[in-house]
PDB file of N, CA and C in Angstrom:
ATOM      1  N   MET A   1      75.749  95.576 126.890  1.00  0.00           N
ATOM      2  CA  MET A   1      76.127  94.125 126.980  1.00  0.00           C
ATOM      3  C   MET A   1      77.416  94.000 126.363  1.00  0.00           C
ATOM      4  N   ALA A   2      78.348  93.209 126.792  1.00  0.00           N
ATOM      5  CA  ALA A   2      79.623  93.129 126.267  1.00  0.00           C
ATOM      6  C   ALA A   2      79.594  91.958 125.254  1.00  0.00           C
ATOM      7  N   SER A   3      80.334  92.066 124.196  1.00  0.00           N
ATOM      8  CA  SER A   3      80.287  91.182 123.180  1.00  0.00           C
ATOM      9  C   SER A   3      81.029  89.859 123.730  1.00  0.00           C
ATOM     10  N   THR A   4      80.857  88.852 122.985  1.00  0.00           N
ATOM     11  CA  THR A   4      81.505  87.522 123.371  1.00  0.00           C
ATOM     12  C   THR A   4      83.094  87.504 123.187  1.00  0.00           C
ATOM     13  N   SER A   5      83.427  88.467 122.157  1.00  0.00           N
ATOM     14  CA  SER A   5      84.662  88.574 121.851  1.00  0.00           C
ATOM     15  C   SER A   5      85.572  89.068 123.112  1.00  0.00           C
ATOM     16  N   LYS A   6      84.873  89.898 123.962  1.00  0.00           N
ATOM     17  CA  LYS A   6      85.449  90.547 125.185  1.00  0.00           C
ATOM     18  C   LYS A   6      85.212  89.645 126.237  1.00  0.00           C
ATOM     19  N   ARG A   7      84.328  88.782 126.429  1.00  0.00           N
ATOM     20  CA  ARG A   7      84.073  87.882 127.562  1.00  0.00           C
ATOM     21  C   ARG A   7      84.750  86.679 127.459  1.00  0.00           C
ATOM     22  N   TYR A   8      85.038  86.146 126.347  1.00  0.00           N
ATOM     23  CA  TYR A   8      85.595  84.826 126.232  1.00  0.00           C
ATOM     24  C   TYR A   8      86.974  84.948 125.418  1.00  0.00           C
ATOM     25  N   PRO A   9      88.152  84.366 126.047  1.00  0.00           N
ATOM     26  CA  PRO A   9      89.312  84.482 125.327  1.00  0.00           C
ATOM     27  C   PRO A   9      89.223  83.559 123.889  1.00  0.00           C
ATOM     28  N   ALA A  10      90.147  84.002 122.979  1.00  0.00           N
ATOM     29  CA  ALA A  10      90.129  83.391 121.697  1.00  0.00           C
ATOM     30  C   ALA A  10      90.502  81.885 121.948  1.00  0.00           C
ATOM     31  N   GLU A  11      91.415  81.602 122.737  1.00  0.00           N
ATOM     32  CA  GLU A  11      91.743  80.353 123.104  1.00  0.00           C
ATOM     33  C   GLU A  11      90.596  79.336 123.369  1.00  0.00           C
ATOM     34  N   LEU A  12      89.689  79.848 124.282  1.00  0.00           N
ATOM     35  CA  LEU A  12      88.503  79.148 124.554  1.00  0.00           C
ATOM     36  C   LEU A  12      87.541  78.785 123.546  1.00  0.00           C
ATOM     37  N   LYS A  13      87.310  79.891 122.689  1.00  0.00           N
ATOM     38  CA  LYS A  13      86.478  79.826 121.374  1.00  0.00           C
ATOM     39  C   LYS A  13      87.198  78.726 120.528  1.00  0.00           C
ATOM     40  N   ASP A  14      88.442  78.808 120.386  1.00  0.00           N
ATOM     41  CA  ASP A  14      89.055  77.710 119.438  1.00  0.00           C
ATOM     42  C   ASP A  14      88.753  76.384 119.972  1.00  0.00           C
ATOM     43  N   ARG A  15      89.057  76.244 121.367  1.00  0.00           N
ATOM     44  CA  ARG A  15      88.899  74.963 121.959  1.00  0.00           C
ATOM     45  C   ARG A  15      87.536  74.366 121.869  1.00  0.00           C
ATOM     46  N   ALA A  16      86.500  75.224 122.024  1.00  0.00           N
ATOM     47  CA  ALA A  16      85.096  74.774 122.033  1.00  0.00           C
ATOM     48  C   ALA A  16      84.740  74.513 120.588  1.00  0.00           C
ATOM     49  N   VAL A  17      85.299  75.080 119.641  1.00  0.00           N
ATOM     50  CA  VAL A  17      85.001  74.664 118.130  1.00  0.00           C
ATOM     51  C   VAL A  17      85.708  73.313 117.870  1.00  0.00           C
ATOM     52  N   ARG A  18      86.862  73.248 118.297  1.00  0.00           N
ATOM     53  CA  ARG A  18      87.621  71.907 118.104  1.00  0.00           C
ATOM     54  C   ARG A  18      86.796  70.819 118.775  1.00  0.00           C
ATOM     55  N   MET A  19      86.285  70.886 119.942  1.00  0.00           N
ATOM     56  CA  MET A  19      85.524  69.966 120.830  1.00  0.00           C
ATOM     57  C   MET A  19      84.369  69.637 120.108  1.00  0.00           C
ATOM     58  N   VAL A  20      83.509  70.600 119.462  1.00  0.00           N
ATOM     59  CA  VAL A  20      82.369  70.276 118.929  1.00  0.00           C
ATOM     60  C   VAL A  20      82.592  69.406 117.705  1.00  0.00           C
ATOM     61  N   ALA A  21      83.745  69.734 117.012  1.00  0.00           N
ATOM     62  CA  ALA A  21      84.047  68.875 115.782  1.00  0.00           C
ATOM     63  C   ALA A  21      84.388  67.317 116.258  1.00  0.00           C
ATOM     64  N   GLU A  22      85.104  67.315 117.357  1.00  0.00           N
ATOM     65  CA  GLU A  22      85.523  66.077 117.741  1.00  0.00           C
ATOM     66  C   GLU A  22      84.458  65.129 118.188  1.00  0.00           C
ATOM     67  N   ILE A  23      83.584  65.813 118.993  1.00  0.00           N
ATOM     68  CA  ILE A  23      82.375  64.909 119.517  1.00  0.00           C
ATOM     69  C   ILE A  23      81.171  64.945 118.841  1.00  0.00           C
ATOM     70  N   ARG A  24      80.965  65.615 117.548  1.00  0.00           N
ATOM     71  CA  ARG A  24      79.884  65.612 116.864  1.00  0.00           C
ATOM     72  C   ARG A  24      79.236  64.309 116.623  1.00  0.00           C
ATOM     73  N   SER A  25      80.119  63.392 116.304  1.00  0.00           N
ATOM     74  CA  SER A  25      79.795  61.952 115.821  1.00  0.00           C
ATOM     75  C   SER A  25      79.166  61.340 116.990  1.00  0.00           C
ATOM     76  N   ASP A  26      79.532  61.625 118.184  1.00  0.00           N
ATOM     77  CA  ASP A  26      79.091  60.926 119.432  1.00  0.00           C
ATOM     78  C   ASP A  26      77.752  61.423 119.905  1.00  0.00           C
ATOM     79  N   HIS A  27      77.142  62.366 119.187  1.00  0.00           N
ATOM     80  CA  HIS A  27      75.763  62.835 119.747  1.00  0.00           C
ATOM     81  C   HIS A  27      74.962  62.746 118.543  1.00  0.00           C
ATOM     82  N   GLY A  28      73.625  62.820 118.753  1.00  0.00           N
ATOM     83  CA  GLY A  28      72.595  62.736 117.819  1.00  0.00           C
ATOM     84  C   GLY A  28      72.410  63.795 116.921  1.00  0.00           C
ATOM     85  N   SER A  29      72.964  64.997 117.261  1.00  0.00           N
ATOM     86  CA  SER A  29      72.808  66.143 116.407  1.00  0.00           C
ATOM     87  C   SER A  29      74.022  67.185 116.782  1.00  0.00           C
ATOM     88  N   GLU A  30      74.259  67.962 115.743  1.00  0.00           N
ATOM     89  CA  GLU A  30      75.252  68.973 116.074  1.00  0.00           C
ATOM     90  C   GLU A  30      74.784  69.803 117.458  1.00  0.00           C
ATOM     91  N   TRP A  31      73.641  70.188 117.483  1.00  0.00           N
ATOM     92  CA  TRP A  31      73.112  71.080 118.643  1.00  0.00           C
ATOM     93  C   TRP A  31      73.415  70.295 119.990  1.00  0.00           C
ATOM     94  N   ALA A  32      73.218  68.957 119.937  1.00  0.00           N
ATOM     95  CA  ALA A  32      73.526  68.205 121.221  1.00  0.00           C
ATOM     96  C   ALA A  32      75.077  68.392 121.579  1.00  0.00           C
ATOM     97  N   ALA A  33      75.936  68.206 120.588  1.00  0.00           N
ATOM     98  CA  ALA A  33      77.273  68.251 120.741  1.00  0.00           C
ATOM     99  C   ALA A  33      77.698  69.664 121.240  1.00  0.00           C
ATOM    100  N   VAL A  34      76.979  70.820 120.792  1.00  0.00           N
ATOM    101  CA  VAL A  34      77.284  72.041 121.162  1.00  0.00           C
ATOM    102  C   VAL A  34      76.746  72.252 122.588  1.00  0.00           C
ATOM    103  N   GLU A  35      75.670  71.811 122.872  1.00  0.00           N
ATOM    104  CA  GLU A  35      75.213  71.846 124.330  1.00  0.00           C
ATOM    105  C   GLU A  35      76.078  71.209 125.206  1.00  0.00           C
ATOM    106  N   SER A  36      76.733  69.987 124.793  1.00  0.00           N
ATOM    107  CA  SER A  36      77.610  69.342 125.745  1.00  0.00           C
ATOM    108  C   SER A  36      78.893  69.989 125.931  1.00  0.00           C
ATOM    109  N   VAL A  37      79.425  70.779 124.917  1.00  0.00           N
ATOM    110  CA  VAL A  37      80.660  71.460 124.896  1.00  0.00           C
ATOM    111  C   VAL A  37      80.364  72.809 125.871  1.00  0.00           C
ATOM    112  N   ALA A  38      79.249  73.409 125.669  1.00  0.00           N
ATOM    113  CA  ALA A  38      79.032  74.654 126.405  1.00  0.00           C
ATOM    114  C   ALA A  38      79.045  74.184 127.909  1.00  0.00           C
ATOM    115  N   ALA A  39      78.310  73.219 128.116  1.00  0.00           N
ATOM    116  CA  ALA A  39      78.226  72.755 129.571  1.00  0.00           C
ATOM    117  C   ALA A  39      79.596  72.400 130.139  1.00  0.00           C
ATOM    118  N   LYS A  40      80.257  71.556 129.453  1.00  0.00           N
ATOM    119  CA  LYS A  40      81.686  71.193 129.960  1.00  0.00           C
ATOM    120  C   LYS A  40      82.612  72.332 130.143  1.00  0.00           C
ATOM    121  N   LEU A  41      82.535  73.382 129.242  1.00  0.00           N
ATOM    122  CA  LEU A  41      83.467  74.604 129.342  1.00  0.00           C
ATOM    123  C   LEU A  41      82.902  75.717 130.322  1.00  0.00           C
ATOM    124  N   GLY A  42      81.744  75.543 130.739  1.00  0.00           N
ATOM    125  CA  GLY A  42      81.127  76.597 131.441  1.00  0.00           C
ATOM    126  C   GLY A  42      80.675  77.990 130.662  1.00  0.00           C
ATOM    127  N   ILE A  43      80.311  77.684 129.442  1.00  0.00           N
ATOM    128  CA  ILE A  43      80.025  78.754 128.754  1.00  0.00           C
ATOM    129  C   ILE A  43      78.462  79.110 128.814  1.00  0.00           C
ATOM    130  N   GLY A  44      78.105  80.340 129.069  1.00  0.00           N
ATOM    131  CA  GLY A  44      76.775  80.777 129.464  1.00  0.00           C
ATOM    132  C   GLY A  44      75.731  80.034 128.737  1.00  0.00           C
ATOM    133  N   THR A  45      75.725  80.166 127.314  1.00  0.00           N
ATOM    134  CA  THR A  45      74.636  79.557 126.534  1.00  0.00           C
ATOM    135  C   THR A  45      75.151  78.776 125.504  1.00  0.00           C
ATOM    136  N   ALA A  46      74.479  77.638 124.936  1.00  0.00           N
ATOM    137  CA  ALA A  46      74.861  76.932 123.972  1.00  0.00           C
ATOM    138  C   ALA A  46      74.870  77.556 122.529  1.00  0.00           C
ATOM    139  N   GLN A  47      74.000  78.579 122.465  1.00  0.00           N
ATOM    140  CA  GLN A  47      73.935  79.476 121.425  1.00  0.00           C
ATOM    141  C   GLN A  47      75.306  80.154 121.093  1.00  0.00           C
ATOM    142  N   THR A  48      76.043  80.521 122.151  1.00  0.00           N
ATOM    143  CA  THR A  48      77.289  81.198 122.080  1.00  0.00           C
ATOM    144  C   THR A  48      78.353  80.299 121.215  1.00  0.00           C
ATOM    145  N   VAL A  49      78.315  79.029 121.661  1.00  0.00           N
ATOM    146  CA  VAL A  49      79.227  78.060 121.155  1.00  0.00           C
ATOM    147  C   VAL A  49      78.827  77.898 119.617  1.00  0.00           C
ATOM    148  N   GLN A  50      77.522  77.762 119.386  1.00  0.00           N
ATOM    149  CA  GLN A  50      76.973  77.602 118.024  1.00  0.00           C
ATOM    150  C   GLN A  50      77.495  78.635 117.255  1.00  0.00           C
ATOM    151  N   ASN A  51      77.445  79.965 117.661  1.00  0.00           N
ATOM    152  CA  ASN A  51      77.784  81.111 116.915  1.00  0.00           C
ATOM    153  C   ASN A  51      79.231  81.014 116.516  1.00  0.00           C
ATOM    154  N   TRP A  52      80.071  80.518 117.504  1.00  0.00           N
ATOM    155  CA  TRP A  52      81.644  80.423 117.259  1.00  0.00           C
ATOM    156  C   TRP A  52      81.752  79.272 116.267  1.00  0.00           C
ATOM    157  N   VAL A  53      81.215  78.170 116.330  1.00  0.00           N
ATOM    158  CA  VAL A  53      81.190  77.051 115.305  1.00  0.00           C
ATOM    159  C   VAL A  53      80.834  77.693 113.928  1.00  0.00           C
ATOM    160  N   ARG A  54      79.759  78.423 113.755  1.00  0.00           N
ATOM    161  CA  ARG A  54      79.324  78.841 112.565  1.00  0.00           C
ATOM    162  C   ARG A  54      80.270  79.866 111.985  1.00  0.00           C
ATOM    163  N   ARG A  55      80.915  80.674 112.735  1.00  0.00           N
ATOM    164  CA  ARG A  55      81.898  81.497 112.437  1.00  0.00           C
ATOM    165  C   ARG A  55      83.240  80.954 111.884  1.00  0.00           C
ATOM    166  N   ALA A  56      83.560  79.832 112.513  1.00  0.00           N
ATOM    167  CA  ALA A  56      84.782  79.203 112.183  1.00  0.00           C
ATOM    168  C   ALA A  56      84.452  78.466 110.737  1.00  0.00           C
ATOM    169  N   GLU A  57      83.213  78.082 110.557  1.00  0.00           N
ATOM    170  CA  GLU A  57      82.950  77.366 109.311  1.00  0.00           C
ATOM    171  C   GLU A  57      82.901  78.424 108.235  1.00  0.00           C
ATOM    172  N   VAL A  58      82.507  79.630 108.440  1.00  0.00           N
ATOM    173  CA  VAL A  58      82.546  80.575 107.394  1.00  0.00           C
ATOM    174  C   VAL A  58      83.883  81.040 107.109  1.00  0.00           C
ATOM    175  N   ASP A  59      84.749  81.136 108.240  1.00  0.00           N
ATOM    176  CA  ASP A  59      86.210  81.476 108.115  1.00  0.00           C
ATOM    177  C   ASP A  59      86.978  80.389 107.272  1.00  0.00           C
ATOM    178  N   ALA A  60      86.478  79.253 107.343  1.00  0.00           N
ATOM    179  CA  ALA A  60      87.239  78.031 106.835  1.00  0.00           C
ATOM    180  C   ALA A  60      86.702  77.838 105.294  1.00  0.00           C
ATOM    181  N   GLY A  61      85.739  78.598 104.874  1.00  0.00           N
ATOM    182  CA  GLY A  61      84.994  78.393 103.620  1.00  0.00           C
ATOM    183  C   GLY A  61      84.154  77.394 103.385  1.00  0.00           C
ATOM    184  N   LYS A  62      83.711  76.706 104.662  1.00  0.00           N
ATOM    185  CA  LYS A  62      82.918  75.522 104.625  1.00  0.00           C
ATOM    186  C   LYS A  62      81.405  75.939 104.696  1.00  0.00           C
ATOM    187  N   ARG A  63      81.102  77.238 104.880  1.00  0.00           N
ATOM    188  CA  ARG A  63      79.819  77.812 104.992  1.00  0.00           C
ATOM    189  C   ARG A  63      79.869  79.147 104.302  1.00  0.00           C
ATOM    190  N   PRO A  64      78.659  79.577 103.640  1.00  0.00           N
ATOM    191  CA  PRO A  64      78.830  80.831 102.822  1.00  0.00           C
ATOM    192  C   PRO A  64      78.647  81.920 104.046  1.00  0.00           C
ATOM    193  N   GLY A  65      79.241  83.061 103.583  1.00  0.00           N
ATOM    194  CA  GLY A  65      79.011  84.212 104.484  1.00  0.00           C
ATOM    195  C   GLY A  65      80.429  85.030 104.404  1.00  0.00           C
ATOM    196  N   VAL A  66      80.399  86.141 105.032  1.00  0.00           N
ATOM    197  CA  VAL A  66      81.487  87.091 105.183  1.00  0.00           C
ATOM    198  C   VAL A  66      82.496  86.622 106.263  1.00  0.00           C
ATOM    199  N   SER A  67      83.634  86.434 105.924  1.00  0.00           N
ATOM    200  CA  SER A  67      84.789  85.867 106.831  1.00  0.00           C
ATOM    201  C   SER A  67      85.048  87.071 107.789  1.00  0.00           C
ATOM    202  N   THR A  68      85.676  86.699 108.912  1.00  0.00           N
ATOM    203  CA  THR A  68      85.989  87.509 110.022  1.00  0.00           C
ATOM    204  C   THR A  68      86.974  88.525 109.490  1.00  0.00           C
ATOM    205  N   GLU A  69      88.011  88.094 108.645  1.00  0.00           N
ATOM    206  CA  GLU A  69      88.973  89.058 108.103  1.00  0.00           C
ATOM    207  C   GLU A  69      88.365  89.984 107.160  1.00  0.00           C
ATOM    208  N   ALA A  70      87.401  89.514 106.268  1.00  0.00           N
ATOM    209  CA  ALA A  70      86.856  90.247 105.376  1.00  0.00           C
ATOM    210  C   ALA A  70      85.947  91.420 106.092  1.00  0.00           C
ATOM    211  N   ALA A  71      85.076  91.059 107.066  1.00  0.00           N
ATOM    212  CA  ALA A  71      84.324  91.681 107.815  1.00  0.00           C
ATOM    213  C   ALA A  71      85.241  93.048 108.468  1.00  0.00           C
ATOM    214  N   GLU A  72      86.389  92.616 109.074  1.00  0.00           N
ATOM    215  CA  GLU A  72      87.263  93.494 109.565  1.00  0.00           C
ATOM    216  C   GLU A  72      87.836  94.433 108.581  1.00  0.00           C
ATOM    217  N   GLU A  73      88.193  94.071 107.391  1.00  0.00           N
ATOM    218  CA  GLU A  73      88.739  94.914 106.462  1.00  0.00           C
ATOM    219  C   GLU A  73      87.624  95.928 105.947  1.00  0.00           C
ATOM    220  N   LEU A  74      86.274  95.436 105.772  1.00  0.00           N
ATOM    221  CA  LEU A  74      85.205  96.315 105.448  1.00  0.00           C
ATOM    222  C   LEU A  74      84.886  97.338 106.358  1.00  0.00           C
ATOM    223  N   ARG A  75      84.930  96.871 107.739  1.00  0.00           N
ATOM    224  CA  ARG A  75      84.828  97.777 108.778  1.00  0.00           C
ATOM    225  C   ARG A  75      85.868  99.021 108.759  1.00  0.00           C
ATOM    226  N   LYS A  76      87.182  98.641 108.531  1.00  0.00           N
ATOM    227  CA  LYS A  76      88.318  99.640 108.315  1.00  0.00           C
ATOM    228  C   LYS A  76      88.095 100.590 107.242  1.00  0.00           C
ATOM    229  N   LEU A  77      87.548  99.949 106.049  1.00  0.00           N
ATOM    230  CA  LEU A  77      87.419 100.739 104.890  1.00  0.00           C
ATOM    231  C   LEU A  77      86.250 101.621 105.100  1.00  0.00           C
ATOM    232  N   ARG A  78      85.169 101.312 105.558  1.00  0.00           N
ATOM    233  CA  ARG A  78      84.094 102.276 106.033  1.00  0.00           C
ATOM    234  C   ARG A  78      84.506 103.254 106.904  1.00  0.00           C
ATOM    235  N   ALA A  79      85.238 103.049 107.772  1.00  0.00           N
ATOM    236  CA  ALA A  79      85.840 104.174 108.757  1.00  0.00           C
ATOM    237  C   ALA A  79      86.640 105.099 107.889  1.00  0.00           C
ATOM    238  N   GLU A  80      87.584 104.493 107.049  1.00  0.00           N
ATOM    239  CA  GLU A  80      88.330 105.350 106.348  1.00  0.00           C
ATOM    240  C   GLU A  80      87.544 106.366 105.360  1.00  0.00           C
ATOM    241  N   ASN A  81      86.488 105.689 104.659  1.00  0.00           N
ATOM    242  CA  ASN A  81      85.669 106.467 103.822  1.00  0.00           C
ATOM    243  C   ASN A  81      84.943 107.528 104.528  1.00  0.00           C
ATOM    244  N   ARG A  82      84.377 107.197 105.882  1.00  0.00           N
ATOM    245  CA  ARG A  82      83.646 108.207 106.546  1.00  0.00           C
ATOM    246  C   ARG A  82      84.724 109.408 106.829  1.00  0.00           C
ATOM    247  N   GLU A  83      86.096 109.194 107.273  1.00  0.00           N
ATOM    248  CA  GLU A  83      87.014 110.254 107.471  1.00  0.00           C
ATOM    249  C   GLU A  83      87.372 111.068 106.143  1.00  0.00           C
ATOM    250  N   LEU A  84      87.418 110.311 105.148  1.00  0.00           N
ATOM    251  CA  LEU A  84      87.735 110.927 103.887  1.00  0.00           C
ATOM    252  C   LEU A  84      86.632 111.870 103.344  1.00  0.00           C
ATOM    253  N   LYS A  85      85.357 111.464 103.635  1.00  0.00           N
ATOM    254  CA  LYS A  85      84.152 112.239 103.199  1.00  0.00           C
ATOM    255  C   LYS A  85      84.167 113.500 104.169  1.00  0.00           C
ATOM    256  N   ARG A  86      84.548 113.266 105.512  1.00  0.00           N
ATOM    257  CA  ARG A  86      84.615 114.446 106.357  1.00  0.00           C
ATOM    258  C   ARG A  86      85.715 115.361 105.976  1.00  0.00           C
ATOM    259  N   ALA A  87      86.994 114.966 105.557  1.00  0.00           N
ATOM    260  CA  ALA A  87      87.922 115.716 105.208  1.00  0.00           C
ATOM    261  C   ALA A  87      87.521 116.548 103.821  1.00  0.00           C
ATOM    262  N   ASN A  88      87.014 115.892 103.041  1.00  0.00           N
ATOM    263  CA  ASN A  88      86.421 116.577 101.843  1.00  0.00           C
ATOM    264  C   ASN A  88      85.466 117.549 102.065  1.00  0.00           C
ATOM    265  N   GLU A  89      84.611 117.479 103.128  1.00  0.00           N
ATOM    266  CA  GLU A  89      83.504 118.545 103.341  1.00  0.00           C
ATOM    267  C   GLU A  89      84.351 119.655 103.957  1.00  0.00           C
ATOM    268  N   ILE A  90      85.488 119.554 104.826  1.00  0.00           N
ATOM    269  CA  ILE A  90      86.204 120.555 105.240  1.00  0.00           C
ATOM    270  C   ILE A  90      86.921 121.302 104.173  1.00  0.00           C
ATOM    271  N   LEU A  91      87.570 120.611 103.267  1.00  0.00           N
ATOM    272  CA  LEU A  91      88.171 121.265 102.311  1.00  0.00           C
ATOM    273  C   LEU A  91      87.188 122.055 101.233  1.00  0.00           C
ATOM    274  N   LYS A  92      86.056 121.521 101.056  1.00  0.00           N
ATOM    275  CA  LYS A  92      85.052 122.409 100.309  1.00  0.00           C
ATOM    276  C   LYS A  92      84.658 123.598 101.013  1.00  0.00           C
ATOM    277  N   SER A  93      84.414 123.392 102.290  1.00  0.00           N
ATOM    278  CA  SER A  93      84.115 124.744 103.069  1.00  0.00           C
ATOM    279  C   SER A  93      85.305 125.702 103.115  1.00  0.00           C
ATOM    280  N   ALA A  94      86.506 125.193 103.165  1.00  0.00           N
ATOM    281  CA  ALA A  94      87.584 126.177 103.139  1.00  0.00           C
ATOM    282  C   ALA A  94      87.832 126.744 101.812  1.00  0.00           C
ATOM    283  N   SER A  95      87.622 125.966 100.778  1.00  0.00           N
ATOM    284  CA  SER A  95      87.900 126.492  99.386  1.00  0.00           C
ATOM    285  C   SER A  95      86.777 127.608  99.143  1.00  0.00           C
ATOM    286  N   THR A  96      85.532 127.301  99.532  1.00  0.00           N
ATOM    287  CA  THR A  96      84.366 128.130  99.429  1.00  0.00           C
ATOM    288  C   THR A  96      84.818 129.565 100.074  1.00  0.00           C
ATOM    289  N   PHE A  97      85.199 129.455 101.283  1.00  0.00           N
ATOM    290  CA  PHE A  97      85.623 130.563 102.136  1.00  0.00           C
ATOM    291  C   PHE A  97      86.769 131.422 101.585  1.00  0.00           C
ATOM    292  N   PHE A  98      88.006 130.644 101.112  1.00  0.00           N
ATOM    293  CA  PHE A  98      88.886 131.384 100.616  1.00  0.00           C
ATOM    294  C   PHE A  98      88.627 132.009  99.169  1.00  0.00           C
ATOM    295  N   ALA A  99      87.761 131.392  98.417  1.00  0.00           N
ATOM    296  CA  ALA A  99      87.439 131.939  97.195  1.00  0.00           C
ATOM    297  C   ALA A  99      86.611 133.190  97.353  1.00  0.00           C
ATOM    298  N   ALA A 100      85.653 133.172  98.325  1.00  0.00           N
ATOM    299  CA  ALA A 100      84.838 134.419  98.550  1.00  0.00           C
ATOM    300  C   ALA A 100      85.766 135.501  99.271  1.00  0.00           C
ATOM    301  N   GLU A 101      86.760 135.121 100.006  1.00  0.00           N
ATOM    302  CA  GLU A 101      87.653 136.073 100.522  1.00  0.00           C
ATOM    303  C   GLU A 101      88.467 136.810  99.430  1.00  0.00           C
ATOM    304  N   LEU A 102      89.000 135.793  98.496  1.00  0.00           N
ATOM    305  CA  LEU A 102      89.858 136.400  97.288  1.00  0.00           C
ATOM    306  C   LEU A 102      88.927 137.278  96.444  1.00  0.00           C
ATOM    307  N   ASP A 103      87.618 137.013  96.210  1.00  0.00           N
ATOM    308  CA  ASP A 103      86.807 137.762  95.388  1.00  0.00           C
ATOM    309  C   ASP A 103      86.639 139.208  96.178  1.00  0.00           C
ATOM    310  N   ARG A 104      86.462 139.099  97.362  1.00  0.00           N
ATOM    311  CA  ARG A 104      86.213 140.403  98.165  1.00  0.00           C
ATOM    312  C   ARG A 104      87.512 141.292  98.209  1.00  0.00           C
ATOM    313  N   ARG A 105      88.712 140.855  98.331  1.00  0.00           N
ATOM    314  CA  ARG A 105      89.901 141.552  98.049  1.00  0.00           C
ATOM    315  C   ARG A 105      90.191 142.108  96.832  1.00  0.00           C
ATOM    316  N   GLN A 106      89.589 141.320  95.724  1.00  0.00           N
ATOM    317  CA  GLN A 106      89.904 142.002  94.291  1.00  0.00           C
ATOM    318  C   GLN A 106      89.061 143.020  93.841  1.00  0.00           C
ATOM    319  N   LYS A 107      87.931 143.169  94.764  1.00  0.00           N
ATOM    320  CA  LYS A 107      86.880 144.368  94.438  1.00  0.00           C
ATOM    321  C   LYS A 107      87.323 145.505  94.900  1.00  0.00           C
TER     322      LYS A 107
END
């Protein structure tokens, strides 16, 4: 299943979040505003719009959670860490091999 970041352009997400903020007071609840925006913009489910609103609130510091920027940085650091661990294992194996080879030649 494709993620929503691939299915919907960033401009549409931003517009949906702005629309929810603008019409929130015109509806009985935030969910009603979210449903209205989802229907108007032809977005598959209201939950998708709700997720965008929540993400925008976290990114703006209005809601606790990990911001998009921090999550991306964490993802990159984890990938770099995996690569460094892999390189370390290769270097350990190589050093063991060469140490054994050196011992063999000295005997």
